[in-house]
Amino acid sequence: MVASDACRVSTPTLRSSLLRDLCASRFFGLEYSDRLLERYLRQRLGAQLPRYVEDAFRSFMACGVFARGFIRCHCDACGEDILVAYSCKSRGVCPSCGARRMANLAAQMVDRVLPNVPIRQWVLSLPFELGALCAKRPEVLTGMGRIFYETVATEQKARLGLAGSETGAVSFPQRFGSSLNAHVHFHTLVLDGAVVREGQGVRFHEAPPPSREQIEHVAGRVRDRAVRFLAKHAEVAAEIRRLRSEHPRWNFKLVHDAEICP
């Protein structure tokens, strides 16, 4: 074999993204990856990231590395052994563990949770101030998810016009965007209709697709209920005012402008 400068492996530099550098640095060992992460945090960011962010990256760097632990699986029938390295099981950073969790959850939803009826996905994106509060305060995140589902369910049952009907949903709060930026939003899978009790069982009635006006009505109702919900919590309103003063270019918008706090 003849080696030349053209096929020489170059070391990762700080000019590329952190995640891409860390993936490449695994070729050079875990100690090199640790030094690269420390240098990136110190030189590129100039400030310390939250501990859970550092832990996520460090767990990703050790995922699937046999030096960090493994399990030996033995087959009594054929006598073969196989070694399986421990995974990090982290969220957001590790593509392998994230894909495995996504596939397992999807299979559970389809096989054991969701009925075999039409399902519609509703997505709620939040303005900056409210998204930041949901990321910091679990009670605000829970409240916004409840408001969103109840508003969608009420509008959907009204479209059907069936007395005593009920519907159901599974909601997935997403805390980050495609570039791992902080972006809290909701993906909610709602039964595209409602069930009505008939005799000893229930019957599903499919709802017609929502019109543009009905979607705007849902957005307006979510906005109004969110304003009333936040007005009941003085400390939350104060936090919104602080965020708005620091980021004046962000407004609370769903369909129409609305003031979150006085």
C-alpha atoms as a PDB file:
ATOM      1  CA  MET A   1       0.000   0.000   0.000  1.00  0.00           C
ATOM      2  CA  VAL A   2       1.245   3.468  -0.831  1.00  0.00           C
ATOM      3  CA  ALA A   3       0.295   6.379   1.422  1.00  0.00           C
ATOM      4  CA  SER A   4       0.123   9.920   0.114  1.00  0.00           C
ATOM      5  CA  ASP A   5      -0.948  13.344   1.320  1.00  0.00           C
ATOM      6  CA  ALA A   6      -4.110  13.058  -0.761  1.00  0.00           C
ATOM      7  CA  CYS A   7      -5.537  10.257   1.382  1.00  0.00           C
ATOM      8  CA  ARG A   8      -4.277  11.514   4.745  1.00  0.00           C
ATOM      9  CA  VAL A   9      -6.964  11.754   7.439  1.00  0.00           C
ATOM     10  CA  SER A  10      -7.343  15.313   8.775  1.00  0.00           C
ATOM     11  CA  THR A  11      -8.229  15.969  12.395  1.00  0.00           C
ATOM     12  CA  PRO A  12     -11.483  17.749  13.265  1.00  0.00           C
ATOM     13  CA  THR A  13     -11.261  21.510  13.675  1.00  0.00           C
ATOM     14  CA  LEU A  14     -13.447  24.093  15.330  1.00  0.00           C
ATOM     15  CA  ARG A  15     -14.512  25.434  11.939  1.00  0.00           C
ATOM     16  CA  SER A  16     -17.137  22.706  11.534  1.00  0.00           C
ATOM     17  CA  SER A  17     -20.146  21.946  13.679  1.00  0.00           C
ATOM     18  CA  LEU A  18     -19.759  20.430  17.127  1.00  0.00           C
ATOM     19  CA  LEU A  19     -21.812  17.321  16.389  1.00  0.00           C
ATOM     20  CA  ARG A  20     -19.936  16.593  13.152  1.00  0.00           C
ATOM     21  CA  ASP A  21     -16.590  17.075  14.906  1.00  0.00           C
ATOM     22  CA  LEU A  22     -17.581  14.768  17.729  1.00  0.00           C
ATOM     23  CA  CYS A  23     -18.666  12.059  15.276  1.00  0.00           C
ATOM     24  CA  ALA A  24     -15.324  12.276  13.488  1.00  0.00           C
ATOM     25  CA  SER A  25     -13.337  12.490  16.725  1.00  0.00           C
ATOM     26  CA  ARG A  26     -14.567   9.071  17.869  1.00  0.00           C
ATOM     27  CA  PHE A  27     -11.994   7.690  15.428  1.00  0.00           C
ATOM     28  CA  PHE A  28      -9.286   9.223  17.625  1.00  0.00           C
ATOM     29  CA  GLY A  29     -10.604   7.916  20.964  1.00  0.00           C
ATOM     30  CA  LEU A  30     -12.729   9.114  23.863  1.00  0.00           C
ATOM     31  CA  GLU A  31      -9.995  11.210  25.487  1.00  0.00           C
ATOM     32  CA  TYR A  32      -9.603  13.225  22.275  1.00  0.00           C
ATOM     33  CA  SER A  33     -13.386  13.711  22.126  1.00  0.00           C
ATOM     34  CA  ASP A  34     -13.427  15.008  25.706  1.00  0.00           C
ATOM     35  CA  ARG A  35     -10.690  17.532  24.930  1.00  0.00           C
ATOM     36  CA  LEU A  36     -12.474  18.626  21.757  1.00  0.00           C
ATOM     37  CA  LEU A  37     -15.719  19.207  23.653  1.00  0.00           C
ATOM     38  CA  GLU A  38     -13.959  21.226  26.353  1.00  0.00           C
ATOM     39  CA  ARG A  39     -12.179  23.363  23.741  1.00  0.00           C
ATOM     40  CA  TYR A  40     -15.396  23.961  21.835  1.00  0.00           C
ATOM     41  CA  LEU A  41     -17.270  25.095  24.940  1.00  0.00           C
ATOM     42  CA  ARG A  42     -14.450  27.397  25.971  1.00  0.00           C
ATOM     43  CA  GLN A  43     -13.487  28.980  22.634  1.00  0.00           C
ATOM     44  CA  ARG A  44     -16.697  28.942  20.604  1.00  0.00           C
ATOM     45  CA  LEU A  45     -19.339  29.621  23.210  1.00  0.00           C
ATOM     46  CA  GLY A  46     -17.401  31.545  25.856  1.00  0.00           C
ATOM     47  CA  ALA A  47     -19.862  30.372  28.485  1.00  0.00           C
ATOM     48  CA  GLN A  48     -20.807  27.193  30.253  1.00  0.00           C
ATOM     49  CA  LEU A  49     -23.705  25.230  28.854  1.00  0.00           C
ATOM     50  CA  PRO A  50     -26.313  23.658  31.141  1.00  0.00           C
ATOM     51  CA  ARG A  51     -25.126  20.445  32.699  1.00  0.00           C
ATOM     52  CA  TYR A  52     -27.723  18.312  30.918  1.00  0.00           C
ATOM     53  CA  VAL A  53     -26.408  19.516  27.531  1.00  0.00           C
ATOM     54  CA  GLU A  54     -22.844  18.491  28.354  1.00  0.00           C
ATOM     55  CA  ASP A  55     -24.069  15.167  29.743  1.00  0.00           C
ATOM     56  CA  ALA A  56     -25.984  14.478  26.524  1.00  0.00           C
ATOM     57  CA  PHE A  57     -22.900  15.043  24.366  1.00  0.00           C
ATOM     58  CA  ARG A  58     -20.636  13.018  26.658  1.00  0.00           C
ATOM     59  CA  SER A  59     -23.125  10.145  26.705  1.00  0.00           C
ATOM     60  CA  PHE A  60     -23.305  10.219  22.915  1.00  0.00           C
ATOM     61  CA  MET A  61     -19.512  10.010  22.619  1.00  0.00           C
ATOM     62  CA  ALA A  62     -19.497   6.866  24.789  1.00  0.00           C
ATOM     63  CA  CYS A  63     -22.484   5.220  23.072  1.00  0.00           C
ATOM     64  CA  GLY A  64     -21.574   1.869  21.549  1.00  0.00           C
ATOM     65  CA  VAL A  65     -17.955   2.032  22.755  1.00  0.00           C
ATOM     66  CA  PHE A  66     -16.894  -1.346  24.144  1.00  0.00           C
ATOM     67  CA  ALA A  67     -14.348   0.300  26.460  1.00  0.00           C
ATOM     68  CA  ARG A  68     -17.287   1.808  28.377  1.00  0.00           C
ATOM     69  CA  GLY A  69     -19.006  -1.530  28.973  1.00  0.00           C
ATOM     70  CA  PHE A  70     -20.748  -4.295  27.100  1.00  0.00           C
ATOM     71  CA  ILE A  71     -22.866  -7.408  27.590  1.00  0.00           C
ATOM     72  CA  ARG A  72     -22.007 -10.890  26.370  1.00  0.00           C
ATOM     73  CA  CYS A  73     -24.824 -12.866  24.744  1.00  0.00           C
ATOM     74  CA  HIS A  74     -24.405 -16.638  24.395  1.00  0.00           C
ATOM     75  CA  CYS A  75     -26.475 -19.066  22.295  1.00  0.00           C
ATOM     76  CA  ASP A  76     -26.689 -22.539  23.842  1.00  0.00           C
ATOM     77  CA  ALA A  77     -27.880 -24.028  20.545  1.00  0.00           C
ATOM     78  CA  CYS A  78     -24.973 -23.010  18.318  1.00  0.00           C
ATOM     79  CA  GLY A  79     -22.422 -22.085  20.961  1.00  0.00           C
ATOM     80  CA  GLU A  80     -21.746 -18.661  19.424  1.00  0.00           C
ATOM     81  CA  ASP A  81     -21.096 -15.524  21.504  1.00  0.00           C
ATOM     82  CA  ILE A  82     -21.805 -11.941  20.578  1.00  0.00           C
ATOM     83  CA  LEU A  83     -20.771  -8.786  22.404  1.00  0.00           C
ATOM     84  CA  VAL A  84     -23.177  -5.842  22.515  1.00  0.00           C
ATOM     85  CA  ALA A  85     -21.862  -2.471  23.695  1.00  0.00           C
ATOM     86  CA  TYR A  86     -23.965  -0.388  26.066  1.00  0.00           C
ATOM     87  CA  SER A  87     -25.960   2.441  24.491  1.00  0.00           C
ATOM     88  CA  CYS A  88     -26.378   5.933  25.934  1.00  0.00           C
ATOM     89  CA  LYS A  89     -30.216   5.968  25.653  1.00  0.00           C
ATOM     90  CA  SER A  90     -30.059   9.762  25.469  1.00  0.00           C
ATOM     91  CA  ARG A  91     -32.511  12.037  23.684  1.00  0.00           C
ATOM     92  CA  GLY A  92     -31.830  14.586  20.974  1.00  0.00           C
ATOM     93  CA  VAL A  93     -28.142  14.009  20.199  1.00  0.00           C
ATOM     94  CA  CYS A  94     -27.569  10.315  19.535  1.00  0.00           C
ATOM     95  CA  PRO A  95     -29.152   9.317  16.196  1.00  0.00           C
ATOM     96  CA  SER A  96     -28.981   5.589  16.949  1.00  0.00           C
ATOM     97  CA  CYS A  97     -30.735   5.725  20.322  1.00  0.00           C
ATOM     98  CA  GLY A  98     -33.189   8.326  19.074  1.00  0.00           C
ATOM     99  CA  ALA A  99     -34.195   6.162  16.103  1.00  0.00           C
ATOM    100  CA  ARG A 100     -34.561   3.087  18.317  1.00  0.00           C
ATOM    101  CA  ARG A 101     -36.813   4.936  20.772  1.00  0.00           C
ATOM    102  CA  MET A 102     -38.858   6.384  17.928  1.00  0.00           C
ATOM    103  CA  ALA A 103     -39.398   2.952  16.334  1.00  0.00           C
ATOM    104  CA  ASN A 104     -40.340   1.330  19.658  1.00  0.00           C
ATOM    105  CA  LEU A 105     -42.793   4.080  20.552  1.00  0.00           C
ATOM    106  CA  ALA A 106     -44.375   4.051  17.091  1.00  0.00           C
ATOM    107  CA  ALA A 107     -44.887   0.287  17.288  1.00  0.00           C
ATOM    108  CA  GLN A 108     -46.467   0.590  20.742  1.00  0.00           C
ATOM    109  CA  MET A 109     -48.814   3.350  19.582  1.00  0.00           C
ATOM    110  CA  VAL A 110     -49.970   1.412  16.520  1.00  0.00           C
ATOM    111  CA  ASP A 111     -50.252  -2.017  18.151  1.00  0.00           C
ATOM    112  CA  ARG A 112     -51.583  -1.201  21.623  1.00  0.00           C
ATOM    113  CA  VAL A 113     -52.850   2.378  21.951  1.00  0.00           C
ATOM    114  CA  LEU A 114     -54.382   3.903  18.823  1.00  0.00           C
ATOM    115  CA  PRO A 115     -57.638   2.390  17.497  1.00  0.00           C
ATOM    116  CA  ASN A 116     -58.052   1.518  13.840  1.00  0.00           C
ATOM    117  CA  VAL A 117     -59.867   4.741  12.919  1.00  0.00           C
ATOM    118  CA  PRO A 118     -58.851   7.903  11.009  1.00  0.00           C
ATOM    119  CA  ILE A 119     -56.432  10.109  12.955  1.00  0.00           C
ATOM    120  CA  ARG A 120     -55.495  13.722  12.281  1.00  0.00           C
ATOM    121  CA  GLN A 121     -52.309  15.434  13.497  1.00  0.00           C
ATOM    122  CA  TRP A 122     -52.638  18.917  14.984  1.00  0.00           C
ATOM    123  CA  VAL A 123     -49.495  20.983  15.581  1.00  0.00           C
ATOM    124  CA  LEU A 124     -49.239  23.996  17.893  1.00  0.00           C
ATOM    125  CA  SER A 125     -46.204  26.275  17.606  1.00  0.00           C
ATOM    126  CA  LEU A 126     -45.643  28.749  20.418  1.00  0.00           C
ATOM    127  CA  PRO A 127     -44.235  32.287  20.341  1.00  0.00           C
ATOM    128  CA  PHE A 128     -40.810  32.855  21.824  1.00  0.00           C
ATOM    129  CA  GLU A 129     -41.872  34.089  25.252  1.00  0.00           C
ATOM    130  CA  LEU A 130     -44.365  31.303  25.827  1.00  0.00           C
ATOM    131  CA  GLY A 131     -42.046  28.653  24.402  1.00  0.00           C
ATOM    132  CA  ALA A 132     -39.272  29.749  26.759  1.00  0.00           C
ATOM    133  CA  LEU A 133     -41.638  29.522  29.710  1.00  0.00           C
ATOM    134  CA  CYS A 134     -42.781  26.033  28.696  1.00  0.00           C
ATOM    135  CA  ALA A 135     -39.151  24.941  28.499  1.00  0.00           C
ATOM    136  CA  LYS A 136     -38.476  26.219  32.030  1.00  0.00           C
ATOM    137  CA  ARG A 137     -41.776  25.580  33.818  1.00  0.00           C
ATOM    138  CA  PRO A 138     -43.445  22.143  33.598  1.00  0.00           C
ATOM    139  CA  GLU A 139     -46.765  23.520  34.846  1.00  0.00           C
ATOM    140  CA  VAL A 140     -46.943  25.947  31.902  1.00  0.00           C
ATOM    141  CA  LEU A 141     -46.076  23.160  29.436  1.00  0.00           C
ATOM    142  CA  THR A 142     -48.777  20.926  30.916  1.00  0.00           C
ATOM    143  CA  GLY A 143     -51.319  23.746  30.898  1.00  0.00           C
ATOM    144  CA  MET A 144     -50.695  24.638  27.250  1.00  0.00           C
ATOM    145  CA  GLY A 145     -50.984  20.987  26.197  1.00  0.00           C
ATOM    146  CA  ARG A 146     -54.285  20.641  28.052  1.00  0.00           C
ATOM    147  CA  ILE A 147     -55.658  23.867  26.551  1.00  0.00           C
ATOM    148  CA  PHE A 148     -54.667  22.803  23.042  1.00  0.00           C
ATOM    149  CA  TYR A 149     -56.278  19.365  23.238  1.00  0.00           C
ATOM    150  CA  GLU A 150     -59.474  20.556  24.920  1.00  0.00           C
ATOM    151  CA  THR A 151     -59.927  23.282  22.301  1.00  0.00           C
ATOM    152  CA  VAL A 152     -59.383  20.890  19.393  1.00  0.00           C
ATOM    153  CA  ALA A 153     -61.700  18.275  20.934  1.00  0.00           C
ATOM    154  CA  THR A 154     -64.464  20.820  21.579  1.00  0.00           C
ATOM    155  CA  GLU A 155     -64.324  22.131  18.013  1.00  0.00           C
ATOM    156  CA  GLN A 156     -64.258  18.610  16.576  1.00  0.00           C
ATOM    157  CA  LYS A 157     -67.306  17.448  18.553  1.00  0.00           C
ATOM    158  CA  ALA A 158     -69.104  20.615  17.527  1.00  0.00           C
ATOM    159  CA  ARG A 159     -68.484  19.761  13.853  1.00  0.00           C
ATOM    160  CA  LEU A 160     -70.177  16.400  14.356  1.00  0.00           C
ATOM    161  CA  GLY A 161     -73.068  17.730  16.411  1.00  0.00           C
ATOM    162  CA  LEU A 162     -73.572  14.450  18.304  1.00  0.00           C
ATOM    163  CA  ALA A 163     -74.788  14.686  21.897  1.00  0.00           C
ATOM    164  CA  GLY A 164     -72.690  12.796  24.440  1.00  0.00           C
ATOM    165  CA  SER A 165     -69.843  12.131  22.004  1.00  0.00           C
ATOM    166  CA  GLU A 166     -66.240  11.826  23.168  1.00  0.00           C
ATOM    167  CA  THR A 167     -62.889  11.800  21.399  1.00  0.00           C
ATOM    168  CA  GLY A 168     -59.299  11.039  22.356  1.00  0.00           C
ATOM    169  CA  ALA A 169     -55.727  12.032  21.578  1.00  0.00           C
ATOM    170  CA  VAL A 170     -52.057  11.373  22.235  1.00  0.00           C
ATOM    171  CA  SER A 171     -49.868  14.463  22.570  1.00  0.00           C
ATOM    172  CA  PHE A 172     -46.094  14.680  22.124  1.00  0.00           C
ATOM    173  CA  PRO A 173     -44.453  17.904  23.345  1.00  0.00           C
ATOM    174  CA  GLN A 174     -41.341  18.587  21.258  1.00  0.00           C
ATOM    175  CA  ARG A 175     -38.697  20.699  22.996  1.00  0.00           C
ATOM    176  CA  PHE A 176     -36.302  21.388  20.140  1.00  0.00           C
ATOM    177  CA  GLY A 177     -36.183  22.073  16.415  1.00  0.00           C
ATOM    178  CA  SER A 178     -34.335  20.343  13.591  1.00  0.00           C
ATOM    179  CA  SER A 179     -31.035  22.034  14.549  1.00  0.00           C
ATOM    180  CA  LEU A 180     -31.405  21.190  18.276  1.00  0.00           C
ATOM    181  CA  ASN A 181     -32.466  24.783  18.987  1.00  0.00           C
ATOM    182  CA  ALA A 182     -34.918  25.445  21.802  1.00  0.00           C
ATOM    183  CA  HIS A 183     -38.319  25.354  20.101  1.00  0.00           C
ATOM    184  CA  VAL A 184     -41.197  24.037  22.199  1.00  0.00           C
ATOM    185  CA  HIS A 185     -44.205  22.877  20.170  1.00  0.00           C
ATOM    186  CA  PHE A 186     -46.878  20.190  20.338  1.00  0.00           C
ATOM    187  CA  HIS A 187     -47.642  17.314  17.976  1.00  0.00           C
ATOM    188  CA  THR A 188     -51.069  15.960  18.920  1.00  0.00           C
ATOM    189  CA  LEU A 189     -52.667  12.910  17.294  1.00  0.00           C
ATOM    190  CA  VAL A 190     -56.442  13.334  17.596  1.00  0.00           C
ATOM    191  CA  LEU A 191     -59.078  10.824  16.585  1.00  0.00           C
ATOM    192  CA  ASP A 192     -60.596  12.370  13.456  1.00  0.00           C
ATOM    193  CA  GLY A 193     -64.097  12.005  14.812  1.00  0.00           C
ATOM    194  CA  ALA A 194     -65.839  10.946  17.997  1.00  0.00           C
ATOM    195  CA  VAL A 195     -67.318   7.866  19.646  1.00  0.00           C
ATOM    196  CA  VAL A 196     -70.892   7.572  20.877  1.00  0.00           C
ATOM    197  CA  ARG A 197     -72.156   4.912  23.254  1.00  0.00           C
ATOM    198  CA  GLU A 198     -74.716   2.645  21.614  1.00  0.00           C
ATOM    199  CA  GLY A 199     -76.178  -0.180  23.691  1.00  0.00           C
ATOM    200  CA  GLN A 200     -73.378  -2.221  25.221  1.00  0.00           C
ATOM    201  CA  GLY A 201     -70.692  -0.804  22.943  1.00  0.00           C
ATOM    202  CA  VAL A 202     -69.550   2.345  21.183  1.00  0.00           C
ATOM    203  CA  ARG A 203     -69.640   3.522  17.577  1.00  0.00           C
ATOM    204  CA  PHE A 204     -67.094   5.787  15.899  1.00  0.00           C
ATOM    205  CA  HIS A 205     -68.339   8.668  13.738  1.00  0.00           C
ATOM    206  CA  GLU A 206     -65.798  10.207  11.380  1.00  0.00           C
ATOM    207  CA  ALA A 207     -65.734  14.013  11.273  1.00  0.00           C
ATOM    208  CA  PRO A 208     -65.476  16.053   8.075  1.00  0.00           C
ATOM    209  CA  PRO A 209     -62.131  17.780   7.445  1.00  0.00           C
ATOM    210  CA  PRO A 210     -61.807  21.135   9.233  1.00  0.00           C
ATOM    211  CA  SER A 211     -62.091  24.257   7.129  1.00  0.00           C
ATOM    212  CA  ARG A 212     -59.622  27.136   7.180  1.00  0.00           C
ATOM    213  CA  GLU A 213     -62.066  29.183   9.237  1.00  0.00           C
ATOM    214  CA  GLN A 214     -62.427  26.403  11.804  1.00  0.00           C
ATOM    215  CA  ILE A 215     -58.639  26.074  12.146  1.00  0.00           C
ATOM    216  CA  GLU A 216     -58.366  29.819  12.693  1.00  0.00           C
ATOM    217  CA  HIS A 217     -61.138  29.573  15.283  1.00  0.00           C
ATOM    218  CA  VAL A 218     -59.157  26.895  17.146  1.00  0.00           C
ATOM    219  CA  ALA A 219     -56.041  29.089  17.074  1.00  0.00           C
ATOM    220  CA  GLY A 220     -57.990  32.055  18.407  1.00  0.00           C
ATOM    221  CA  ARG A 221     -59.537  29.984  21.211  1.00  0.00           C
ATOM    222  CA  VAL A 222     -56.125  28.612  22.195  1.00  0.00           C
ATOM    223  CA  ARG A 223     -54.781  32.160  22.274  1.00  0.00           C
ATOM    224  CA  ASP A 224     -57.629  33.470  24.437  1.00  0.00           C
ATOM    225  CA  ARG A 225     -57.454  30.561  26.896  1.00  0.00           C
ATOM    226  CA  ALA A 226     -53.652  30.866  27.092  1.00  0.00           C
ATOM    227  CA  VAL A 227     -53.961  34.559  27.989  1.00  0.00           C
ATOM    228  CA  ARG A 228     -56.453  33.766  30.773  1.00  0.00           C
ATOM    229  CA  PHE A 229     -54.325  30.863  32.014  1.00  0.00           C
ATOM    230  CA  LEU A 230     -51.182  32.995  32.238  1.00  0.00           C
ATOM    231  CA  ALA A 231     -53.044  35.906  33.857  1.00  0.00           C
ATOM    232  CA  LYS A 232     -53.755  33.663  36.871  1.00  0.00           C
ATOM    233  CA  HIS A 233     -50.036  33.241  37.577  1.00  0.00           C
ATOM    234  CA  ALA A 234     -48.386  36.526  38.556  1.00  0.00           C
ATOM    235  CA  GLU A 235     -44.846  35.128  38.515  1.00  0.00           C
ATOM    236  CA  VAL A 236     -45.366  33.783  35.004  1.00  0.00           C
ATOM    237  CA  ALA A 237     -46.630  37.168  33.782  1.00  0.00           C
ATOM    238  CA  ALA A 238     -43.558  38.850  35.286  1.00  0.00           C
ATOM    239  CA  GLU A 239     -41.303  36.370  33.498  1.00  0.00           C
ATOM    240  CA  ILE A 240     -43.051  37.089  30.186  1.00  0.00           C
ATOM    241  CA  ARG A 241     -42.532  40.841  30.629  1.00  0.00           C
ATOM    242  CA  ARG A 242     -38.827  40.250  31.268  1.00  0.00           C
ATOM    243  CA  LEU A 243     -38.460  38.071  28.161  1.00  0.00           C
ATOM    244  CA  ARG A 244     -40.368  40.582  26.054  1.00  0.00           C
ATOM    245  CA  SER A 245     -38.069  43.417  27.170  1.00  0.00           C
ATOM    246  CA  GLU A 246     -34.997  41.337  26.289  1.00  0.00           C
ATOM    247  CA  HIS A 247     -36.420  40.207  22.926  1.00  0.00           C
ATOM    248  CA  PRO A 248     -38.645  43.053  21.666  1.00  0.00           C
ATOM    249  CA  ARG A 249     -38.816  41.675  18.110  1.00  0.00           C
ATOM    250  CA  TRP A 250     -40.824  38.639  19.254  1.00  0.00           C
ATOM    251  CA  ASN A 251     -44.603  38.947  19.538  1.00  0.00           C
ATOM    252  CA  PHE A 252     -47.285  36.567  20.728  1.00  0.00           C
ATOM    253  CA  LYS A 253     -48.924  35.435  17.481  1.00  0.00           C
ATOM    254  CA  LEU A 254     -51.151  32.521  16.630  1.00  0.00           C
ATOM    255  CA  VAL A 255     -53.532  33.964  14.065  1.00  0.00           C
ATOM    256  CA  HIS A 256     -54.030  37.450  15.474  1.00  0.00           C
ATOM    257  CA  ASP A 257     -51.860  39.521  17.785  1.00  0.00           C
ATOM    258  CA  ALA A 258     -52.732  39.317  21.457  1.00  0.00           C
ATOM    259  CA  GLU A 259     -51.219  40.630  24.623  1.00  0.00           C
ATOM    260  CA  ILE A 260     -50.073  37.925  27.005  1.00  0.00           C
ATOM    261  CA  CYS A 261     -49.961  40.163  30.031  1.00  0.00           C
ATOM    262  CA  PRO A 262     -50.986  43.747  30.771  1.00  0.00           C
END
